Amino acid sequence: MSARPQTGWQNAFDALADAPIPVHELDLEGRVVRVNPAGCRLLGLREDEILGHYVWEFVVPEEQEKVRERLRKNLSSVQPLDSTERNWLRPDGVRLVLEIYSNYIYDENGRLHGLRTFLLDVTRRKRAEEALRKVQESLENRIKERTAELELTNEFLRREMEQRRLAADEHRKLEAQVQHAQRLESLGVLAGGIAHDFNNLLASIMGYGSLAAMELPEDSRARRSIEQVLIAAKSAADLTQQMLAYSGRGTFVLEAVNVSQLIEGVALLIESTISKKATLCLQLATGLPCIQADASQIRQVVMNLITNAAESLADAPGTVEVTTGVTMAGHGELPSTVPGEALPAGNYVYIEVGDSGCGMDEDTLTKIFDPFFTTKFTGRGLGLAAVLGIIRGHHGSIRVNSHPGGGTTFRVLFPAITVPEAIQPDVPGEAQIWRGEGVVLVVDDQAAVRNLARMILERSGLTVLTAEDGKEAVEVFIRHAAEIHAVLLDLNMPGMDGGEVFHHITRLVPGIRVILCSGYNEQDVTTKLEGRKAAGFLRKPYHPSELIERLRGIW
């Protein structure tokens, strides 16, 4: 039998038999009717294992239905053919990624005979692309992570730099405050030391002057001159009290004080002295807790602040507003007037004095508590420096808020007390003639003060022993302990001070009556006695009648 002649489409496939590109032909049902050797090698099957099988049988199971449906549509309606990509499965389990390019096969009569398909193995390329994609994704993820880390680091560094800048600013502010406080503290120590020595001089002037005046007739011109000297000495004594107030060691007579009631009394006195263009407004809280304070000293603080506020208005109309209230403060929340100390937590009564005046710039604010500093004419005294000392002595706090053209507000705060415990002052009586019998030991390192006390006491019939320092005082007391009725003891002396002398002699004779004498306030004096109590206290400079009155009170 002769060979059956082949048609053109058959000749076309024969031409591809030895081609390196896998080719197969499908009938109208999708069965493989021809495959070249390259196609067999690609699928890992023999020709007889391929022919007659539906083409989708060689595709991975999950894609078989898609392949069958696509072939059905293409062969039934002759739709345009596009290249596709499919996953094929070899018998050995290897998956292949194939790009499929197809065209229709027509017979010599132009009828559709099937499909011729060219298979291009892109498995390696796809695997390389997938590996590259994974590498790219990993790199992108790493870049994102690294970028996020860098952004976080940058944000951390930015915040760290901002915190360091704020800390540096705060450090500079605190350093300036400490330096300012230390400067004021040193000035306070200086003022206190000067006031103490000045008090000793004034004690001599006032004491000897008073004794001299007593010796002269009332109509004597010399007595009138001496009285003028005593008036001037009293003014000097008031100045020393301001200096002691600035140093925080002024003379305080403590009692329970209601600041709202105190300010009402001050307002009545001061309204007539300030400018008529200044309107004084009081916003005083009722039911305030009391503070433990010296009423006269607090009155001085209020009058000073109101006067300054009124003067800041100059000749322009304006208001001075005084407000009182109570606030709770945490430990160290309020600025302390003593360097290195923190005010305790608790309730604080505040006095706030604000004005609508010219205000102050930063440079002026740093100087307002300096002694004798003023923005007005000179010779105004200690002013706010004394106010600061009074606040320091009462363990209080002060805040100032001011800027040019915006007025000034001072807020003064004092610890509130829950149970008022008034400490009654010892009020000297009128000078009376009193004569006593007994021995008094006078201890003072200043000869003039020592001799003055001796003269005053001897005029009252007392026998006087003297000692110029602490060591001599103890020695004299030991020798005459049995006959000494009382001791007039100066607290501040070089070497062994009055506090040490007090402890020595009270151990020897526990009931000995001791009158402590000092230019500082009584509370500062009693803290040096470590719980023991003196029979009395006499503040320098003193009048002869005050000394006699103290002795008469304990004799």
Protein backbone atom coordinates (compact mmCIF):
# COMPACT_ATOMS: atom_id res chain seq x y z
CA MET A 1 0.00 0.00 0.00
CA SER A 2 1.36 3.32 -1.03
CA ALA A 3 1.71 6.10 1.56
CA ARG A 4 -1.21 8.43 1.92
CA PRO A 5 -0.36 11.84 0.58
CA GLN A 6 0.00 14.53 3.28
CA THR A 7 -1.77 17.88 3.31
CA GLY A 8 -0.10 21.24 3.91
CA TRP A 9 -0.79 21.40 7.58
CA GLN A 10 0.60 17.92 8.00
CA ASN A 11 3.74 18.88 6.10
CA ALA A 12 4.07 21.90 8.42
CA PHE A 13 4.17 19.66 11.52
CA ASP A 14 6.69 17.33 9.89
CA ALA A 15 8.95 20.30 9.37
CA LEU A 16 8.87 20.86 13.16
CA ALA A 17 9.56 17.24 14.05
CA ASP A 18 13.22 17.82 14.73
CA ALA A 19 12.79 21.35 16.07
CA PRO A 20 14.21 21.97 19.58
CA ILE A 21 10.97 23.67 20.54
CA PRO A 22 8.30 21.31 21.98
CA VAL A 23 5.24 21.19 19.68
CA HIS A 24 2.03 19.26 19.83
CA GLU A 25 -1.23 19.29 17.93
CA LEU A 26 -4.71 18.89 19.38
CA ASP A 27 -7.91 17.73 17.75
CA LEU A 28 -11.23 19.48 18.13
CA GLU A 29 -11.83 17.59 21.43
CA GLY A 30 -8.55 18.68 22.96
CA ARG A 31 -6.75 15.34 22.56
CA VAL A 32 -3.05 15.26 21.61
CA VAL A 33 -2.78 13.82 18.12
CA ARG A 34 0.82 14.74 17.37
CA VAL A 35 3.88 15.57 19.47
CA ASN A 36 7.46 16.07 18.43
CA PRO A 37 10.43 14.50 20.27
CA ALA A 38 11.20 17.76 22.03
CA GLY A 39 7.68 17.69 23.48
CA CYS A 40 8.19 14.16 24.76
CA ARG A 41 11.46 15.08 26.38
CA LEU A 42 9.87 18.12 28.02
CA LEU A 43 7.07 16.08 29.57
CA GLY A 44 9.30 13.09 30.40
CA LEU A 45 6.94 10.71 28.55
CA ARG A 46 7.06 8.50 25.49
CA GLU A 47 5.04 9.46 22.46
CA ASP A 48 2.54 6.61 23.02
CA GLU A 49 2.04 7.87 26.60
CA ILE A 50 1.03 11.26 25.26
CA LEU A 51 -1.00 10.68 22.09
CA GLY A 52 -4.72 10.27 22.59
CA HIS A 53 -4.73 11.93 25.99
CA TYR A 54 -6.50 15.18 26.66
CA VAL A 55 -3.98 17.96 26.98
CA TRP A 56 -5.24 19.13 30.38
CA GLU A 57 -4.30 15.77 31.84
CA PHE A 58 -0.67 16.98 31.81
CA VAL A 59 -1.51 20.20 33.66
CA VAL A 60 -1.40 20.44 37.47
CA PRO A 61 -4.76 19.39 38.93
CA GLU A 62 -5.75 22.82 40.15
CA GLU A 63 -5.52 24.28 36.62
CA GLN A 64 -7.08 21.43 34.59
CA GLU A 65 -10.61 22.84 34.63
CA LYS A 66 -9.40 26.24 33.42
CA VAL A 67 -7.47 24.66 30.52
CA ARG A 68 -10.44 22.55 29.45
CA GLU A 69 -12.84 25.48 29.57
CA ARG A 70 -10.46 27.70 27.60
CA LEU A 71 -9.99 25.07 24.88
CA ARG A 72 -13.71 24.54 24.58
CA LYS A 73 -14.32 28.23 24.02
CA ASN A 74 -11.44 28.59 21.58
CA LEU A 75 -12.40 25.55 19.46
CA SER A 76 -16.12 26.28 19.46
CA SER A 77 -15.98 29.93 18.51
CA VAL A 78 -12.55 30.43 17.02
CA GLN A 79 -11.67 33.27 19.39
CA PRO A 80 -8.38 35.13 19.04
CA LEU A 81 -5.59 33.16 20.69
CA ASP A 82 -3.37 34.76 23.29
CA SER A 83 -0.31 33.30 24.87
CA THR A 84 -0.89 31.75 28.24
CA GLU A 85 1.18 30.49 31.09
CA ARG A 86 0.44 27.15 32.71
CA ASN A 87 1.97 24.83 35.29
CA TRP A 88 2.53 21.34 33.93
CA LEU A 89 3.31 18.24 35.95
CA ARG A 90 5.83 15.59 34.94
CA PRO A 91 5.49 11.95 36.09
CA ASP A 92 8.52 12.43 38.35
CA GLY A 93 6.64 15.14 40.22
CA VAL A 94 8.59 18.07 38.79
CA ARG A 95 6.50 21.13 38.05
CA LEU A 96 7.16 23.04 34.88
CA VAL A 97 6.15 26.56 34.08
CA LEU A 98 5.35 26.74 30.33
CA GLU A 99 4.48 29.64 28.11
CA ILE A 100 2.00 28.37 25.49
CA TYR A 101 1.63 29.91 22.05
CA SER A 102 -1.16 28.41 19.86
CA ASN A 103 -2.60 28.80 16.41
CA TYR A 104 -5.54 27.20 14.63
CA ILE A 105 -5.07 24.36 12.07
CA TYR A 106 -7.29 24.34 8.97
CA ASP A 107 -7.57 21.62 6.29
CA GLU A 108 -7.38 22.20 2.54
CA ASN A 109 -11.07 23.02 2.54
CA GLY A 110 -10.66 25.67 5.18
CA ARG A 111 -12.34 23.74 7.93
CA LEU A 112 -11.01 23.96 11.50
CA HIS A 113 -9.00 20.87 12.19
CA GLY A 114 -7.46 21.61 15.61
CA LEU A 115 -4.74 23.55 17.40
CA ARG A 116 -0.99 23.55 17.05
CA THR A 117 0.74 24.53 20.28
CA PHE A 118 4.31 25.60 20.92
CA LEU A 119 5.60 25.12 24.45
CA LEU A 120 8.34 27.30 25.91
CA ASP A 121 9.87 26.12 29.19
CA VAL A 122 10.29 29.23 31.43
CA THR A 123 10.62 27.32 34.69
CA ARG A 124 14.15 28.50 35.41
CA ARG A 125 13.30 32.04 34.49
CA LYS A 126 10.22 31.97 36.71
CA ARG A 127 12.16 30.49 39.57
CA ALA A 128 14.84 33.13 39.12
CA GLU A 129 12.17 35.82 38.98
CA GLU A 130 10.51 34.40 42.08
CA ALA A 131 13.84 34.25 43.89
CA LEU A 132 14.60 37.78 42.76
CA ARG A 133 11.14 38.90 43.84
CA LYS A 134 11.69 37.37 47.26
CA VAL A 135 15.10 38.99 47.50
CA GLN A 136 13.58 42.32 46.46
CA GLU A 137 10.75 41.92 48.97
CA SER A 138 13.24 40.98 51.66
CA LEU A 139 15.42 43.94 50.74
CA GLU A 140 12.45 46.27 50.63
CA ASN A 141 11.27 44.96 54.01
CA ARG A 142 14.77 45.38 55.41
CA ILE A 143 14.94 48.89 53.98
CA LYS A 144 11.56 49.68 55.51
CA GLU A 145 12.63 48.23 58.84
CA ARG A 146 15.94 50.07 58.73
CA THR A 147 14.20 53.28 57.68
CA ALA A 148 11.76 52.87 60.56
CA GLU A 149 14.68 52.24 62.92
CA LEU A 150 16.50 55.31 61.63
CA GLU A 151 13.35 57.41 61.91
CA LEU A 152 12.86 56.13 65.48
CA THR A 153 16.51 56.83 66.25
CA ASN A 154 16.26 60.30 64.72
CA GLU A 155 13.12 60.98 66.75
CA PHE A 156 14.84 59.72 69.89
CA LEU A 157 17.88 61.90 69.18
CA ARG A 158 15.65 64.88 68.45
CA ARG A 159 13.80 64.40 71.73
CA GLU A 160 17.06 63.77 73.58
CA MET A 161 18.54 66.97 72.16
CA GLU A 162 15.36 68.86 73.05
CA GLN A 163 15.41 67.46 76.58
CA ARG A 164 19.08 68.33 76.94
CA ARG A 165 18.39 71.84 75.68
CA LEU A 166 15.50 72.22 78.13
CA ALA A 167 17.65 70.74 80.91
CA ALA A 168 20.47 73.15 80.03
CA ASP A 169 18.02 76.07 80.07
CA GLU A 170 16.60 74.89 83.39
CA HIS A 171 20.12 74.42 84.76
CA ARG A 172 21.04 77.96 83.74
CA LYS A 173 17.88 79.31 85.37
CA LEU A 174 18.46 77.33 88.55
CA GLU A 175 22.11 78.35 88.60
CA ALA A 176 21.11 82.01 88.26
CA GLN A 177 18.52 81.59 91.02
CA VAL A 178 21.02 79.89 93.31
CA GLN A 179 23.63 82.56 92.65
CA HIS A 180 21.05 85.26 93.30
CA ALA A 181 19.87 83.49 96.47
CA GLN A 182 23.44 82.99 97.66
CA ARG A 183 24.21 86.65 97.02
CA LEU A 184 21.14 87.66 99.02
CA GLU A 185 22.05 85.15 101.71
CA SER A 186 25.57 86.58 102.00
CA LEU A 187 24.14 90.06 102.15
CA GLY A 188 21.76 88.83 104.85
CA VAL A 189 24.61 87.39 106.89
CA LEU A 190 26.49 90.68 106.49
CA ALA A 191 23.41 92.72 107.43
CA GLY A 192 22.77 90.51 110.46
CA GLY A 193 26.36 90.79 111.64
CA ILE A 194 26.39 94.57 111.21
CA ALA A 195 23.02 94.88 112.95
CA HIS A 196 24.24 92.76 115.89
CA ASP A 197 27.33 94.92 116.44
CA PHE A 198 25.33 98.08 115.83
CA ASN A 199 22.79 96.97 118.45
CA ASN A 200 25.55 96.74 121.04
CA LEU A 201 26.60 100.31 120.27
CA LEU A 202 22.99 101.51 120.39
CA ALA A 203 22.47 99.70 123.67
CA SER A 204 25.28 101.74 125.15
CA ILE A 205 24.05 105.02 123.63
CA MET A 206 20.44 104.50 124.70
CA GLY A 207 21.35 103.10 128.11
CA TYR A 208 23.85 105.72 129.12
CA GLY A 209 21.69 108.43 127.57
CA SER A 210 18.69 107.28 129.59
CA LEU A 211 20.75 107.20 132.79
CA ALA A 212 22.07 110.67 132.06
CA ALA A 213 18.57 111.99 131.38
CA MET A 214 17.37 110.59 134.72
CA GLU A 215 20.04 112.60 136.50
CA LEU A 216 18.91 115.89 134.98
CA PRO A 217 15.89 118.08 135.85
CA GLU A 218 12.97 117.85 133.43
CA ASP A 219 13.33 121.52 132.39
CA SER A 220 17.06 121.16 131.72
CA ARG A 221 18.23 122.09 128.19
CA ALA A 222 20.83 119.31 128.43
CA ARG A 223 18.06 116.78 129.13
CA ARG A 224 16.14 117.92 126.06
CA SER A 225 19.31 117.47 123.97
CA ILE A 226 19.84 114.00 125.40
CA GLU A 227 16.21 113.14 124.61
CA GLN A 228 16.84 114.10 120.97
CA VAL A 229 19.87 111.82 121.00
CA LEU A 230 17.64 109.01 122.33
CA ILE A 231 15.07 109.66 119.58
CA ALA A 232 17.81 109.41 116.95
CA ALA A 233 19.11 106.24 118.60
CA LYS A 234 15.59 104.78 118.52
CA SER A 235 15.42 105.48 114.76
CA ALA A 236 18.78 103.77 114.35
CA ALA A 237 17.44 100.83 116.36
CA ASP A 238 14.49 100.60 113.95
CA LEU A 239 16.93 100.46 111.03
CA THR A 240 18.85 97.63 112.70
CA GLN A 241 15.56 95.79 113.05
CA GLN A 242 15.05 96.15 109.31
CA MET A 243 18.52 94.77 108.75
CA LEU A 244 17.79 91.85 111.07
CA ALA A 245 14.48 91.31 109.30
CA TYR A 246 16.33 91.14 105.99
CA SER A 247 18.71 88.55 107.45
CA GLY A 248 15.68 86.57 108.66
CA ARG A 249 16.59 87.03 112.31
CA GLY A 250 14.43 89.95 113.35
CA THR A 251 12.46 90.09 116.57
CA PHE A 252 9.18 88.21 116.11
CA VAL A 253 6.32 88.05 118.59
CA LEU A 254 4.37 85.09 117.24
CA GLU A 255 0.61 84.77 117.45
CA ALA A 256 -2.24 83.38 115.37
CA VAL A 257 -2.90 85.94 112.63
CA ASN A 258 -5.86 86.13 110.25
CA VAL A 259 -4.35 87.90 107.23
CA SER A 260 -7.71 89.04 105.81
CA GLN A 261 -8.56 90.85 109.03
CA LEU A 262 -5.03 92.28 109.25
CA ILE A 263 -5.22 93.65 105.69
CA GLU A 264 -8.57 95.31 106.38
CA GLY A 265 -6.91 97.26 109.17
CA VAL A 266 -3.89 98.13 107.01
CA ALA A 267 -6.15 99.35 104.18
CA LEU A 268 -7.83 101.89 106.47
CA LEU A 269 -4.43 103.33 107.39
CA ILE A 270 -2.82 103.34 103.98
CA GLU A 271 -5.68 104.57 101.76
CA SER A 272 -5.10 108.13 102.93
CA THR A 273 -1.37 108.01 102.17
CA ILE A 274 -1.34 106.60 98.61
CA SER A 275 -2.17 108.58 95.49
CA LYS A 276 -5.83 109.54 95.00
CA LYS A 277 -5.57 108.18 91.46
CA ALA A 278 -4.83 104.70 92.79
CA THR A 279 -7.94 102.61 93.45
CA LEU A 280 -7.40 100.05 96.19
CA CYS A 281 -9.49 96.91 95.62
CA LEU A 282 -9.71 94.22 98.30
CA GLN A 283 -10.64 90.62 97.47
CA LEU A 284 -10.26 89.10 100.91
CA ALA A 285 -11.29 85.51 101.52
CA THR A 286 -13.36 84.72 104.59
CA GLY A 287 -12.84 81.71 106.81
CA LEU A 288 -9.10 81.57 106.12
CA PRO A 289 -6.92 79.46 108.41
CA CYS A 290 -4.55 81.50 110.54
CA ILE A 291 -0.81 81.73 110.19
CA GLN A 292 1.72 81.72 113.04
CA ALA A 293 3.31 85.13 112.62
CA ASP A 294 4.32 88.46 114.06
CA ALA A 295 1.37 90.68 113.16
CA SER A 296 3.47 93.87 113.04
CA GLN A 297 5.96 92.24 110.66
CA ILE A 298 3.20 90.95 108.36
CA ARG A 299 1.64 94.39 108.47
CA GLN A 300 4.98 95.85 107.35
CA VAL A 301 5.07 93.39 104.42
CA VAL A 302 1.54 94.34 103.30
CA MET A 303 2.13 98.09 103.65
CA ASN A 304 5.40 97.86 101.73
CA LEU A 305 3.83 95.90 98.86
CA ILE A 306 0.76 98.16 98.62
CA THR A 307 2.90 101.30 98.74
CA ASN A 308 5.22 100.00 96.00
CA ALA A 309 2.22 98.99 93.88
CA ALA A 310 0.63 102.43 94.23
CA GLU A 311 3.91 104.20 93.41
CA SER A 312 4.32 102.09 90.25
CA LEU A 313 1.25 103.84 88.86
CA ALA A 314 3.12 107.18 88.97
CA ASP A 315 0.62 109.95 88.17
CA ALA A 316 -1.63 107.76 86.00
CA PRO A 317 -4.92 106.35 87.30
CA GLY A 318 -4.87 102.63 88.03
CA THR A 319 -5.75 99.89 90.45
CA VAL A 320 -4.01 98.07 93.26
CA GLU A 321 -5.71 94.78 94.01
CA VAL A 322 -5.09 92.83 97.21
CA THR A 323 -6.28 89.22 97.30
CA THR A 324 -6.08 86.57 99.98
CA GLY A 325 -6.73 82.84 99.86
CA VAL A 326 -5.38 79.41 100.67
CA THR A 327 -3.62 76.93 98.38
CA MET A 328 -2.19 73.44 98.67
CA ALA A 329 1.47 73.01 97.69
CA GLY A 330 3.55 69.86 97.32
CA HIS A 331 6.98 69.33 98.85
CA GLY A 332 9.48 71.72 97.23
CA GLU A 333 6.82 73.16 94.91
CA LEU A 334 7.15 76.67 96.30
CA PRO A 335 10.41 78.59 95.88
CA SER A 336 12.28 78.77 99.17
CA THR A 337 13.90 81.97 100.40
CA VAL A 338 16.76 79.93 101.87
CA PRO A 339 19.23 78.34 99.40
CA GLY A 340 19.32 74.56 99.56
CA GLU A 341 16.07 74.25 101.55
CA ALA A 342 12.70 73.00 100.32
CA LEU A 343 9.40 74.16 101.79
CA PRO A 344 7.29 71.28 103.14
CA ALA A 345 4.01 70.19 101.61
CA GLY A 346 0.82 71.58 103.12
CA ASN A 347 -1.70 74.40 103.06
CA TYR A 348 -0.34 77.91 102.56
CA VAL A 349 -2.20 81.17 103.07
CA TYR A 350 -1.33 83.67 100.37
CA ILE A 351 -1.44 87.44 100.09
CA GLU A 352 -1.38 88.69 96.51
CA VAL A 353 -0.80 92.34 95.64
CA GLY A 354 -1.14 93.25 91.98
CA ASP A 355 -1.07 96.57 90.17
CA SER A 356 -1.75 97.92 86.69
CA GLY A 357 1.44 99.96 86.70
CA CYS A 358 4.53 100.14 84.50
CA GLY A 359 5.89 96.68 85.34
CA MET A 360 9.55 95.65 85.44
CA ASP A 361 12.03 94.17 83.01
CA GLU A 362 14.19 91.09 83.69
CA ASP A 363 17.18 93.11 84.83
CA THR A 364 15.14 95.00 87.42
CA LEU A 365 13.49 91.80 88.65
CA THR A 366 16.87 90.33 89.53
CA LYS A 367 17.67 93.31 91.80
CA ILE A 368 14.41 94.13 93.60
CA PHE A 369 15.39 92.24 96.76
CA ASP A 370 18.84 93.82 96.98
CA PRO A 371 19.22 96.08 100.03
CA PHE A 372 18.67 99.76 99.26
CA PHE A 373 17.93 99.05 95.56
CA THR A 374 15.19 101.31 94.24
CA THR A 375 13.81 102.50 90.92
CA LYS A 376 12.74 105.73 92.64
CA PHE A 377 14.78 108.28 94.52
CA THR A 378 17.50 107.07 96.87
CA GLY A 379 17.26 106.80 100.63
CA ARG A 380 14.19 104.55 100.76
CA GLY A 381 15.64 102.01 103.22
CA LEU A 382 15.71 98.25 102.85
CA GLY A 383 12.23 98.00 101.30
CA LEU A 384 11.70 94.63 99.61
CA ALA A 385 14.92 93.33 101.14
CA ALA A 386 13.30 93.61 104.58
CA VAL A 387 10.12 92.02 103.17
CA LEU A 388 12.19 89.06 101.97
CA GLY A 389 13.81 88.73 105.40
CA ILE A 390 10.44 88.75 107.16
CA ILE A 391 9.15 86.05 104.79
CA ARG A 392 12.32 84.02 105.36
CA GLY A 393 11.93 84.34 109.13
CA HIS A 394 8.32 83.08 108.87
CA HIS A 395 9.35 80.12 106.65
CA GLY A 396 7.29 81.48 103.79
CA SER A 397 7.69 81.97 100.05
CA ILE A 398 7.35 84.82 97.56
CA ARG A 399 6.69 84.88 93.83
CA VAL A 400 6.91 87.87 91.50
CA ASN A 401 5.33 88.15 88.06
CA SER A 402 5.99 91.28 86.03
CA HIS A 403 6.77 92.55 82.55
CA PRO A 404 7.11 96.06 81.13
CA GLY A 405 3.74 97.70 80.58
CA GLY A 406 1.88 94.76 82.11
CA GLY A 407 1.93 95.58 85.82
CA THR A 408 3.39 93.55 88.68
CA THR A 409 1.98 90.89 90.98
CA PHE A 410 3.58 89.79 94.25
CA ARG A 411 2.29 86.60 95.88
CA VAL A 412 3.47 85.96 99.45
CA LEU A 413 2.72 82.58 101.04
CA PHE A 414 2.88 81.51 104.69
CA PRO A 415 2.27 78.06 106.23
CA ALA A 416 -1.28 77.74 107.53
CA ILE A 417 -1.91 76.45 111.04
CA THR A 418 -4.85 74.23 111.90
CA VAL A 419 -4.93 74.95 115.63
CA PRO A 420 -4.01 78.55 116.45
CA GLU A 421 -1.43 78.66 119.20
CA ALA A 422 -0.81 82.26 120.05
CA ILE A 423 2.52 83.01 121.68
CA GLN A 424 1.93 85.95 123.93
CA PRO A 425 4.63 88.61 123.86
CA ASP A 426 6.37 89.79 126.97
CA VAL A 427 5.37 93.44 127.15
CA PRO A 428 7.66 95.63 129.22
CA GLY A 429 5.85 97.63 131.82
CA GLU A 430 6.25 101.27 132.56
CA ALA A 431 9.48 102.35 134.19
CA GLN A 432 8.93 101.92 137.88
CA ILE A 433 11.19 102.34 140.87
CA TRP A 434 12.14 98.87 142.03
CA ARG A 435 14.84 97.89 144.44
CA GLY A 436 15.98 94.40 145.06
CA GLU A 437 18.56 92.50 147.02
CA GLY A 438 20.83 89.83 145.61
CA VAL A 439 23.58 89.10 143.14
CA VAL A 440 23.30 89.22 139.33
CA LEU A 441 25.98 87.89 136.98
CA VAL A 442 26.23 90.02 133.82
CA VAL A 443 27.94 88.26 130.88
CA ASP A 444 28.71 90.31 127.75
CA ASP A 445 31.79 90.59 125.55
CA GLN A 446 31.15 94.32 125.00
CA ALA A 447 32.60 96.34 127.90
CA ALA A 448 30.26 99.31 127.31
CA VAL A 449 27.14 97.11 127.43
CA ARG A 450 28.50 95.20 130.43
CA ASN A 451 29.21 98.38 132.37
CA LEU A 452 25.84 99.87 131.43
CA ALA A 453 23.99 96.85 132.81
CA ARG A 454 26.11 96.98 135.97
CA MET A 455 25.23 100.66 136.52
CA ILE A 456 21.49 100.05 135.97
CA LEU A 457 21.39 97.10 138.32
CA GLU A 458 23.46 98.75 141.01
CA ARG A 459 21.07 101.73 140.95
CA SER A 460 18.35 99.23 141.90
CA GLY A 461 20.33 97.97 144.90
CA LEU A 462 21.65 94.77 143.33
CA THR A 463 25.17 93.39 143.58
CA VAL A 464 26.71 92.78 140.16
CA LEU A 465 29.35 90.29 139.03
CA THR A 466 30.64 90.58 135.46
CA ALA A 467 32.31 88.33 132.90
CA GLU A 468 33.61 89.33 129.49
CA ASP A 469 33.38 85.93 127.80
CA GLY A 470 31.85 82.48 128.17
CA LYS A 471 34.82 80.83 129.83
CA GLU A 472 35.10 83.53 132.50
CA ALA A 473 31.32 83.39 133.03
CA VAL A 474 31.42 79.67 133.89
CA GLU A 475 34.40 80.21 136.20
CA VAL A 476 32.68 83.12 138.01
CA PHE A 477 29.45 81.15 138.29
CA ILE A 478 31.22 78.13 139.80
CA ARG A 479 32.87 80.35 142.43
CA HIS A 480 29.66 82.22 143.36
CA ALA A 481 26.91 79.71 142.48
CA ALA A 482 25.48 79.74 146.00
CA GLU A 483 24.93 83.52 146.04
CA ILE A 484 23.93 84.28 142.42
CA HIS A 485 20.19 84.96 142.05
CA ALA A 486 20.06 85.57 138.30
CA VAL A 487 22.23 85.73 135.19
CA LEU A 488 21.99 88.32 132.39
CA LEU A 489 23.59 86.39 129.52
CA ASP A 490 24.52 87.70 126.07
CA LEU A 491 23.96 85.00 123.48
CA ASN A 492 26.51 85.99 120.82
CA MET A 493 30.07 85.93 122.09
CA PRO A 494 33.37 84.72 120.61
CA GLY A 495 34.73 81.39 121.81
CA MET A 496 32.18 79.83 124.17
CA ASP A 497 28.88 81.47 123.20
CA GLY A 498 25.87 82.12 125.39
CA GLY A 499 24.17 78.84 124.47
CA GLU A 500 27.12 76.82 125.79
CA VAL A 501 27.32 78.94 128.94
CA PHE A 502 23.58 78.41 129.49
CA HIS A 503 23.99 74.61 129.33
CA HIS A 504 26.97 74.64 131.71
CA ILE A 505 25.36 76.74 134.42
CA THR A 506 21.93 75.08 134.21
CA ARG A 507 23.60 71.70 134.66
CA LEU A 508 25.34 73.04 137.77
CA VAL A 509 22.21 74.75 139.14
CA PRO A 510 19.11 73.54 137.25
CA GLY A 511 16.80 76.18 138.69
CA ILE A 512 19.03 79.18 138.01
CA ARG A 513 17.13 82.11 136.48
CA VAL A 514 18.75 83.21 133.22
CA ILE A 515 17.70 86.18 131.10
CA LEU A 516 19.05 85.83 127.58
CA CYS A 517 20.05 89.03 125.84
CA SER A 518 20.41 89.35 122.04
CA GLY A 519 19.71 91.54 119.04
CA TYR A 520 18.21 88.54 117.23
CA ASN A 521 14.65 87.30 117.63
CA GLU A 522 13.65 85.16 120.57
CA GLN A 523 12.78 82.14 118.41
CA ASP A 524 16.33 82.01 116.98
CA VAL A 525 17.69 82.24 120.50
CA THR A 526 15.54 79.47 121.97
CA THR A 527 16.50 77.02 119.18
CA LYS A 528 20.08 77.08 120.52
CA LEU A 529 18.93 75.96 123.97
CA GLU A 530 18.05 72.42 122.77
CA GLY A 531 14.71 72.21 124.55
CA ARG A 532 15.65 74.02 127.75
CA LYS A 533 13.87 77.22 128.65
CA ALA A 534 15.30 80.49 129.87
CA ALA A 535 13.57 82.59 132.51
CA GLY A 536 13.29 85.59 130.17
CA PHE A 537 14.46 87.31 127.02
CA LEU A 538 15.66 90.88 126.51
CA ARG A 539 16.22 92.31 123.06
CA LYS A 540 19.08 94.72 122.37
CA PRO A 541 19.15 97.67 122.42
CA TYR A 542 17.05 97.95 125.59
CA HIS A 543 15.90 100.76 127.84
CA PRO A 544 17.01 100.63 131.51
CA SER A 545 13.38 100.24 132.55
CA GLU A 546 13.07 97.11 130.35
CA LEU A 547 16.00 95.45 132.08
CA ILE A 548 14.60 96.25 135.53
CA GLU A 549 11.15 95.04 134.47
CA ARG A 550 12.56 91.69 133.28
CA LEU A 551 14.45 91.16 136.54
CA ARG A 552 11.47 92.16 138.67
CA GLY A 553 9.36 89.63 136.75
CA ILE A 554 11.61 86.71 137.71
CA TRP A 555 12.94 87.83 141.12
